[in-house]
Amino acid sequence: MLLVCDCMPADGPAYFTDALADLALDGREGTVHSLPADGLPTLSNVDAVVLTGSTAGVYEADERPWLDDARLLARDLVARELPTLGVCFGHQLVNDALGGTVEAGDQRRGIADVNLGDDPLFEGVSGRIPMVHGDYVVAPGDRMETVASADYYDHLATRHEDAPLWTVQYHPEFTAALLDRVADDFGWPDDDAARDFGDVTADRTVENFVAAAGLD
């Protein structure tokens, strides 16, 4: 079973999680579990996990007590060696939970040219990636290695040296269908290039993860 662990608080935009769940669970056995609302999920029958994005910051534990559970979950996933994909906040959460550093920075909105490493997660993924974030992994967690970068972001994606765990700053579910909502909620450049999703194939990331987890 594939578990989509929803990290979005109740006051955040649900469409990111909805789109990611639709992409990940398409025709597959799985479920969505809200970490902020329902606490730690049961992992006994889980074969793989996707950690979603969030409007929360990993450094907000005083205001968001559920972040303590989130860190416990991330470390448990590594210990169990459960195939895991961390997306945006999930990228930050995993690296923070494993001793890395996440910092708030400039808000990034637009399509970035990125450098994707030679990793099965990126098969068929183009180097043009839509980005919407304001927090950055500035030092990866213990035994996390960088597998993608951009000129403005050294640690755009990471993977664990031994456990089947990958994390990406970008949202694979962010396709042209979400652009208007993202622009309304977070802002977006007006130029044509920033709105051209013709060669954006970031959604392939999820299919590649599912294949790596043996769920395809």
C-alpha atoms as a PDB file:
ATOM      1  CA  MET A   1       0.000   0.000   0.000  1.00  0.00           C
ATOM      2  CA  LEU A   2       1.176   3.520  -0.815  1.00  0.00           C
ATOM      3  CA  LEU A   3       0.691   6.105   1.934  1.00  0.00           C
ATOM      4  CA  VAL A   4       0.478   9.780   0.990  1.00  0.00           C
ATOM      5  CA  CYS A   5       1.270  11.563   4.230  1.00  0.00           C
ATOM      6  CA  ASP A   6      -0.378  14.973   4.001  1.00  0.00           C
ATOM      7  CA  CYS A   7       1.741  17.596   5.784  1.00  0.00           C
ATOM      8  CA  MET A   8      -0.431  20.576   4.816  1.00  0.00           C
ATOM      9  CA  PRO A   9      -2.094  22.347   7.762  1.00  0.00           C
ATOM     10  CA  ALA A  10      -5.819  23.000   7.602  1.00  0.00           C
ATOM     11  CA  ASP A  11      -5.299  26.642   6.599  1.00  0.00           C
ATOM     12  CA  GLY A  12      -3.047  25.728   3.648  1.00  0.00           C
ATOM     13  CA  PRO A  13      -4.012  25.126   0.000  1.00  0.00           C
ATOM     14  CA  ALA A  14      -5.332  21.574  -0.253  1.00  0.00           C
ATOM     15  CA  TYR A  15      -4.947  21.394  -4.026  1.00  0.00           C
ATOM     16  CA  PHE A  16      -1.238  20.556  -3.813  1.00  0.00           C
ATOM     17  CA  THR A  17      -1.934  17.449  -1.724  1.00  0.00           C
ATOM     18  CA  ASP A  18      -4.966  16.539  -3.839  1.00  0.00           C
ATOM     19  CA  ALA A  19      -2.951  16.717  -7.057  1.00  0.00           C
ATOM     20  CA  LEU A  20      -0.040  14.760  -5.596  1.00  0.00           C
ATOM     21  CA  ALA A  21      -2.362  12.076  -4.217  1.00  0.00           C
ATOM     22  CA  ASP A  22      -4.105  11.778  -7.594  1.00  0.00           C
ATOM     23  CA  LEU A  23      -0.749  11.363  -9.308  1.00  0.00           C
ATOM     24  CA  ALA A  24       0.687   8.886  -6.810  1.00  0.00           C
ATOM     25  CA  LEU A  25      -2.407   6.784  -6.164  1.00  0.00           C
ATOM     26  CA  ASP A  26      -3.624   6.552  -9.758  1.00  0.00           C
ATOM     27  CA  GLY A  27      -4.823   2.952 -10.062  1.00  0.00           C
ATOM     28  CA  ARG A  28      -2.865   1.853  -6.980  1.00  0.00           C
ATOM     29  CA  GLU A  29      -3.844   0.674  -3.531  1.00  0.00           C
ATOM     30  CA  GLY A  30      -3.217   3.485  -1.096  1.00  0.00           C
ATOM     31  CA  THR A  31      -4.532   6.125   1.245  1.00  0.00           C
ATOM     32  CA  VAL A  32      -4.007   9.712   2.394  1.00  0.00           C
ATOM     33  CA  HIS A  33      -3.255  10.458   6.038  1.00  0.00           C
ATOM     34  CA  SER A  34      -3.188  13.979   7.518  1.00  0.00           C
ATOM     35  CA  LEU A  35      -0.194  14.311   9.801  1.00  0.00           C
ATOM     36  CA  PRO A  36      -1.237  17.700  11.297  1.00  0.00           C
ATOM     37  CA  ALA A  37      -4.795  16.540  11.999  1.00  0.00           C
ATOM     38  CA  ASP A  38      -4.381  12.875  12.900  1.00  0.00           C
ATOM     39  CA  GLY A  39      -0.839  12.416  14.226  1.00  0.00           C
ATOM     40  CA  LEU A  40       1.510   9.604  13.361  1.00  0.00           C
ATOM     41  CA  PRO A  41       0.212   7.067  10.822  1.00  0.00           C
ATOM     42  CA  THR A  42       0.345   3.323  11.242  1.00  0.00           C
ATOM     43  CA  LEU A  43       3.030   1.869   8.980  1.00  0.00           C
ATOM     44  CA  SER A  44       2.427  -1.866   9.470  1.00  0.00           C
ATOM     45  CA  ASN A  45       0.795  -2.411   6.051  1.00  0.00           C
ATOM     46  CA  VAL A  46       2.580   0.398   4.192  1.00  0.00           C
ATOM     47  CA  ASP A  47       4.929  -0.392   1.303  1.00  0.00           C
ATOM     48  CA  ALA A  48       5.975   3.159   0.392  1.00  0.00           C
ATOM     49  CA  VAL A  49       5.384   6.724   1.565  1.00  0.00           C
ATOM     50  CA  VAL A  50       5.097  10.152  -0.050  1.00  0.00           C
ATOM     51  CA  LEU A  51       5.582  13.158   2.238  1.00  0.00           C
ATOM     52  CA  THR A  52       3.779  16.159   0.778  1.00  0.00           C
ATOM     53  CA  GLY A  53       4.452  19.859   0.685  1.00  0.00           C
ATOM     54  CA  SER A  54       3.224  22.270   3.331  1.00  0.00           C
ATOM     55  CA  THR A  55       2.933  25.948   4.146  1.00  0.00           C
ATOM     56  CA  ALA A  56       4.568  25.122   7.484  1.00  0.00           C
ATOM     57  CA  GLY A  57       8.262  25.585   8.142  1.00  0.00           C
ATOM     58  CA  VAL A  58      10.273  22.905   9.917  1.00  0.00           C
ATOM     59  CA  TYR A  59      11.502  25.584  12.354  1.00  0.00           C
ATOM     60  CA  GLU A  60       7.942  26.363  13.593  1.00  0.00           C
ATOM     61  CA  ALA A  61       7.633  23.606  16.191  1.00  0.00           C
ATOM     62  CA  ASP A  62       6.529  26.033  18.918  1.00  0.00           C
ATOM     63  CA  GLU A  63       3.503  27.060  16.843  1.00  0.00           C
ATOM     64  CA  ARG A  64       2.942  23.650  15.235  1.00  0.00           C
ATOM     65  CA  PRO A  65       3.479  20.833  17.783  1.00  0.00           C
ATOM     66  CA  TRP A  66       2.752  18.172  15.137  1.00  0.00           C
ATOM     67  CA  LEU A  67       6.198  18.864  13.686  1.00  0.00           C
ATOM     68  CA  ASP A  68       7.700  16.768  16.482  1.00  0.00           C
ATOM     69  CA  ASP A  69       5.697  13.803  15.190  1.00  0.00           C
ATOM     70  CA  ALA A  70       6.775  14.647  11.653  1.00  0.00           C
ATOM     71  CA  ARG A  71      10.447  14.380  12.606  1.00  0.00           C
ATOM     72  CA  LEU A  72       9.826  11.085  14.396  1.00  0.00           C
ATOM     73  CA  LEU A  73       8.093   9.769  11.296  1.00  0.00           C
ATOM     74  CA  ALA A  74      10.948  10.783   9.003  1.00  0.00           C
ATOM     75  CA  ARG A  75      13.514   9.028  11.175  1.00  0.00           C
ATOM     76  CA  ASP A  76      11.279   5.951  11.458  1.00  0.00           C
ATOM     77  CA  LEU A  77      10.954   5.720   7.675  1.00  0.00           C
ATOM     78  CA  VAL A  78      14.734   5.658   7.358  1.00  0.00           C
ATOM     79  CA  ALA A  79      15.106   3.072  10.134  1.00  0.00           C
ATOM     80  CA  ARG A  80      12.478   0.839   8.529  1.00  0.00           C
ATOM     81  CA  GLU A  81      13.996   1.407   5.067  1.00  0.00           C
ATOM     82  CA  LEU A  82      10.536   2.080   3.689  1.00  0.00           C
ATOM     83  CA  PRO A  83      10.698   3.603   0.187  1.00  0.00           C
ATOM     84  CA  THR A  84       9.972   7.293   0.681  1.00  0.00           C
ATOM     85  CA  LEU A  85       9.663  10.400  -1.484  1.00  0.00           C
ATOM     86  CA  GLY A  86       9.747  13.783   0.259  1.00  0.00           C
ATOM     87  CA  VAL A  87       8.271  16.677  -1.731  1.00  0.00           C
ATOM     88  CA  CYS A  88       9.054  20.364  -0.975  1.00  0.00           C
ATOM     89  CA  PHE A  89       8.305  20.492   2.780  1.00  0.00           C
ATOM     90  CA  GLY A  90       8.957  16.737   2.788  1.00  0.00           C
ATOM     91  CA  HIS A  91      12.430  17.473   1.375  1.00  0.00           C
ATOM     92  CA  GLN A  92      13.090  19.945   4.172  1.00  0.00           C
ATOM     93  CA  LEU A  93      11.546  17.738   6.858  1.00  0.00           C
ATOM     94  CA  VAL A  94      13.655  14.669   6.116  1.00  0.00           C
ATOM     95  CA  ASN A  95      16.918  16.578   5.976  1.00  0.00           C
ATOM     96  CA  ASP A  96      16.076  18.514   9.148  1.00  0.00           C
ATOM     97  CA  ALA A  97      15.055  15.327  10.997  1.00  0.00           C
ATOM     98  CA  LEU A  98      18.375  13.722  10.075  1.00  0.00           C
ATOM     99  CA  GLY A  99      20.426  16.597  11.441  1.00  0.00           C
ATOM    100  CA  GLY A 100      20.570  18.914   8.429  1.00  0.00           C
ATOM    101  CA  THR A 101      19.781  22.619   8.316  1.00  0.00           C
ATOM    102  CA  VAL A 102      16.797  24.387   6.771  1.00  0.00           C
ATOM    103  CA  GLU A 103      16.570  28.170   6.549  1.00  0.00           C
ATOM    104  CA  ALA A 104      14.019  30.669   5.333  1.00  0.00           C
ATOM    105  CA  GLY A 105      15.169  32.650   2.299  1.00  0.00           C
ATOM    106  CA  ASP A 106      13.982  34.538  -0.746  1.00  0.00           C
ATOM    107  CA  GLN A 107      10.627  33.521  -2.148  1.00  0.00           C
ATOM    108  CA  ARG A 108      11.123  31.617  -5.399  1.00  0.00           C
ATOM    109  CA  ARG A 109       8.369  31.572  -8.008  1.00  0.00           C
ATOM    110  CA  GLY A 110       8.855  30.509 -11.610  1.00  0.00           C
ATOM    111  CA  ILE A 111      10.358  27.817 -13.790  1.00  0.00           C
ATOM    112  CA  ALA A 112      14.004  27.175 -12.920  1.00  0.00           C
ATOM    113  CA  ASP A 113      16.732  25.555 -14.966  1.00  0.00           C
ATOM    114  CA  VAL A 114      18.136  22.833 -12.729  1.00  0.00           C
ATOM    115  CA  ASN A 115      20.912  20.266 -12.836  1.00  0.00           C
ATOM    116  CA  LEU A 116      19.549  16.766 -12.280  1.00  0.00           C
ATOM    117  CA  GLY A 117      21.994  14.061 -11.298  1.00  0.00           C
ATOM    118  CA  ASP A 118      22.281  10.583 -12.760  1.00  0.00           C
ATOM    119  CA  ASP A 119      19.593   9.002 -10.632  1.00  0.00           C
ATOM    120  CA  PRO A 120      16.648   6.755 -11.618  1.00  0.00           C
ATOM    121  CA  LEU A 121      14.314   9.251  -9.930  1.00  0.00           C
ATOM    122  CA  PHE A 122      14.963  11.739 -12.739  1.00  0.00           C
ATOM    123  CA  GLU A 123      14.528   9.475 -15.760  1.00  0.00           C
ATOM    124  CA  GLY A 124      12.545  11.425 -18.347  1.00  0.00           C
ATOM    125  CA  VAL A 125      12.453  14.559 -16.149  1.00  0.00           C
ATOM    126  CA  SER A 126      13.537  17.684 -18.012  1.00  0.00           C
ATOM    127  CA  GLY A 127      15.760  20.340 -16.489  1.00  0.00           C
ATOM    128  CA  ARG A 128      12.948  22.932 -16.492  1.00  0.00           C
ATOM    129  CA  ILE A 129      11.197  22.679 -13.141  1.00  0.00           C
ATOM    130  CA  PRO A 130       8.428  24.905 -11.710  1.00  0.00           C
ATOM    131  CA  MET A 131       9.438  26.115  -8.255  1.00  0.00           C
ATOM    132  CA  VAL A 132       7.362  27.667  -5.478  1.00  0.00           C
ATOM    133  CA  HIS A 133       9.094  27.846  -2.089  1.00  0.00           C
ATOM    134  CA  GLY A 134      10.739  30.129   0.433  1.00  0.00           C
ATOM    135  CA  ASP A 135      12.647  27.647   2.633  1.00  0.00           C
ATOM    136  CA  TYR A 136      15.930  26.000   1.672  1.00  0.00           C
ATOM    137  CA  VAL A 137      17.948  22.972   2.714  1.00  0.00           C
ATOM    138  CA  VAL A 138      21.341  24.597   3.281  1.00  0.00           C
ATOM    139  CA  ALA A 139      23.004  21.502   4.748  1.00  0.00           C
ATOM    140  CA  PRO A 140      21.732  17.969   4.018  1.00  0.00           C
ATOM    141  CA  GLY A 141      21.000  15.564   6.828  1.00  0.00           C
ATOM    142  CA  ASP A 142      23.222  12.722   7.955  1.00  0.00           C
ATOM    143  CA  ARG A 143      23.980  10.303   5.103  1.00  0.00           C
ATOM    144  CA  MET A 144      21.904  12.355   2.669  1.00  0.00           C
ATOM    145  CA  GLU A 145      23.694  13.123  -0.590  1.00  0.00           C
ATOM    146  CA  THR A 146      22.788  15.872  -3.039  1.00  0.00           C
ATOM    147  CA  VAL A 147      21.465  14.614  -6.384  1.00  0.00           C
ATOM    148  CA  ALA A 148      20.181  17.838  -7.966  1.00  0.00           C
ATOM    149  CA  SER A 149      21.019  21.530  -7.774  1.00  0.00           C
ATOM    150  CA  ALA A 150      20.322  24.923  -9.352  1.00  0.00           C
ATOM    151  CA  ASP A 151      22.352  28.093  -9.610  1.00  0.00           C
ATOM    152  CA  TYR A 152      20.418  29.508  -6.660  1.00  0.00           C
ATOM    153  CA  TYR A 153      20.056  26.283  -4.649  1.00  0.00           C
ATOM    154  CA  ASP A 154      22.884  23.846  -3.914  1.00  0.00           C
ATOM    155  CA  HIS A 155      20.760  21.055  -2.449  1.00  0.00           C
ATOM    156  CA  LEU A 156      17.658  20.961  -4.631  1.00  0.00           C
ATOM    157  CA  ALA A 157      17.212  17.201  -4.185  1.00  0.00           C
ATOM    158  CA  THR A 158      18.788  14.568  -1.976  1.00  0.00           C
ATOM    159  CA  ARG A 159      18.817  10.825  -1.456  1.00  0.00           C
ATOM    160  CA  HIS A 160      19.894   8.611   1.401  1.00  0.00           C
ATOM    161  CA  GLU A 161      23.130   6.674   0.972  1.00  0.00           C
ATOM    162  CA  ASP A 162      21.526   3.373   2.011  1.00  0.00           C
ATOM    163  CA  ALA A 163      17.782   3.660   2.618  1.00  0.00           C
ATOM    164  CA  PRO A 164      15.414   3.935  -0.404  1.00  0.00           C
ATOM    165  CA  LEU A 165      14.626   7.563   0.363  1.00  0.00           C
ATOM    166  CA  TRP A 166      14.618  10.534  -2.022  1.00  0.00           C
ATOM    167  CA  THR A 167      13.648  14.164  -1.462  1.00  0.00           C
ATOM    168  CA  VAL A 168      13.002  16.975  -3.949  1.00  0.00           C
ATOM    169  CA  GLN A 169      12.371  20.667  -3.359  1.00  0.00           C
ATOM    170  CA  TYR A 170      10.043  20.955  -6.324  1.00  0.00           C
ATOM    171  CA  HIS A 171       6.419  19.806  -6.587  1.00  0.00           C
ATOM    172  CA  PRO A 172       6.121  16.991  -9.172  1.00  0.00           C
ATOM    173  CA  GLU A 173       2.349  17.549  -9.137  1.00  0.00           C
ATOM    174  CA  PHE A 174       2.722  21.184 -10.200  1.00  0.00           C
ATOM    175  CA  THR A 175       1.556  21.076 -13.812  1.00  0.00           C
ATOM    176  CA  ALA A 176      -0.042  23.762 -15.987  1.00  0.00           C
ATOM    177  CA  ALA A 177      -3.407  22.772 -14.487  1.00  0.00           C
ATOM    178  CA  LEU A 178      -2.372  24.287 -11.128  1.00  0.00           C
ATOM    179  CA  LEU A 179      -0.737  27.438 -12.491  1.00  0.00           C
ATOM    180  CA  ASP A 180      -3.671  29.827 -12.045  1.00  0.00           C
ATOM    181  CA  ARG A 181      -4.260  28.707  -8.461  1.00  0.00           C
ATOM    182  CA  VAL A 182      -0.582  28.986  -7.586  1.00  0.00           C
ATOM    183  CA  ALA A 183      -0.370  32.423  -9.204  1.00  0.00           C
ATOM    184  CA  ASP A 184      -3.379  33.630  -7.207  1.00  0.00           C
ATOM    185  CA  ASP A 185      -2.102  32.282  -3.891  1.00  0.00           C
ATOM    186  CA  PHE A 186       1.657  32.757  -4.148  1.00  0.00           C
ATOM    187  CA  GLY A 187       2.375  34.968  -7.167  1.00  0.00           C
ATOM    188  CA  TRP A 188       4.019  34.038 -10.463  1.00  0.00           C
ATOM    189  CA  PRO A 189       5.997  35.850 -13.190  1.00  0.00           C
ATOM    190  CA  ASP A 190       3.914  37.245 -16.052  1.00  0.00           C
ATOM    191  CA  ASP A 191       6.330  36.516 -18.900  1.00  0.00           C
ATOM    192  CA  ASP A 192       5.472  33.849 -21.444  1.00  0.00           C
ATOM    193  CA  ALA A 193       8.503  31.687 -20.653  1.00  0.00           C
ATOM    194  CA  ALA A 194       7.426  31.304 -17.019  1.00  0.00           C
ATOM    195  CA  ARG A 195       3.999  30.106 -18.167  1.00  0.00           C
ATOM    196  CA  ASP A 196       5.236  27.684 -20.805  1.00  0.00           C
ATOM    197  CA  PHE A 197       4.913  24.167 -19.391  1.00  0.00           C
ATOM    198  CA  GLY A 198       5.421  22.515 -22.774  1.00  0.00           C
ATOM    199  CA  ASP A 199       8.648  20.755 -21.816  1.00  0.00           C
ATOM    200  CA  VAL A 200       8.045  20.492 -18.060  1.00  0.00           C
ATOM    201  CA  THR A 201       7.976  16.801 -17.122  1.00  0.00           C
ATOM    202  CA  ALA A 202       8.512  16.966 -13.364  1.00  0.00           C
ATOM    203  CA  ASP A 203       5.476  14.720 -12.835  1.00  0.00           C
ATOM    204  CA  ARG A 204       7.601  11.811 -14.081  1.00  0.00           C
ATOM    205  CA  THR A 205       9.357  11.963 -10.713  1.00  0.00           C
ATOM    206  CA  VAL A 206       6.421  10.258  -9.012  1.00  0.00           C
ATOM    207  CA  GLU A 207       6.176   7.473 -11.590  1.00  0.00           C
ATOM    208  CA  ASN A 208       9.904   6.868 -11.238  1.00  0.00           C
ATOM    209  CA  PHE A 209       9.610   6.701  -7.464  1.00  0.00           C
ATOM    210  CA  VAL A 210       6.695   4.275  -7.660  1.00  0.00           C
ATOM    211  CA  ALA A 211       8.745   2.058  -9.978  1.00  0.00           C
ATOM    212  CA  ALA A 212      11.750   2.205  -7.643  1.00  0.00           C
ATOM    213  CA  ALA A 213       9.476   1.231  -4.747  1.00  0.00           C
ATOM    214  CA  GLY A 214       8.238  -1.797  -6.691  1.00  0.00           C
ATOM    215  CA  LEU A 215       4.641  -0.583  -6.844  1.00  0.00           C
ATOM    216  CA  ASP A 216       4.242  -0.081 -10.597  1.00  0.00           C
END
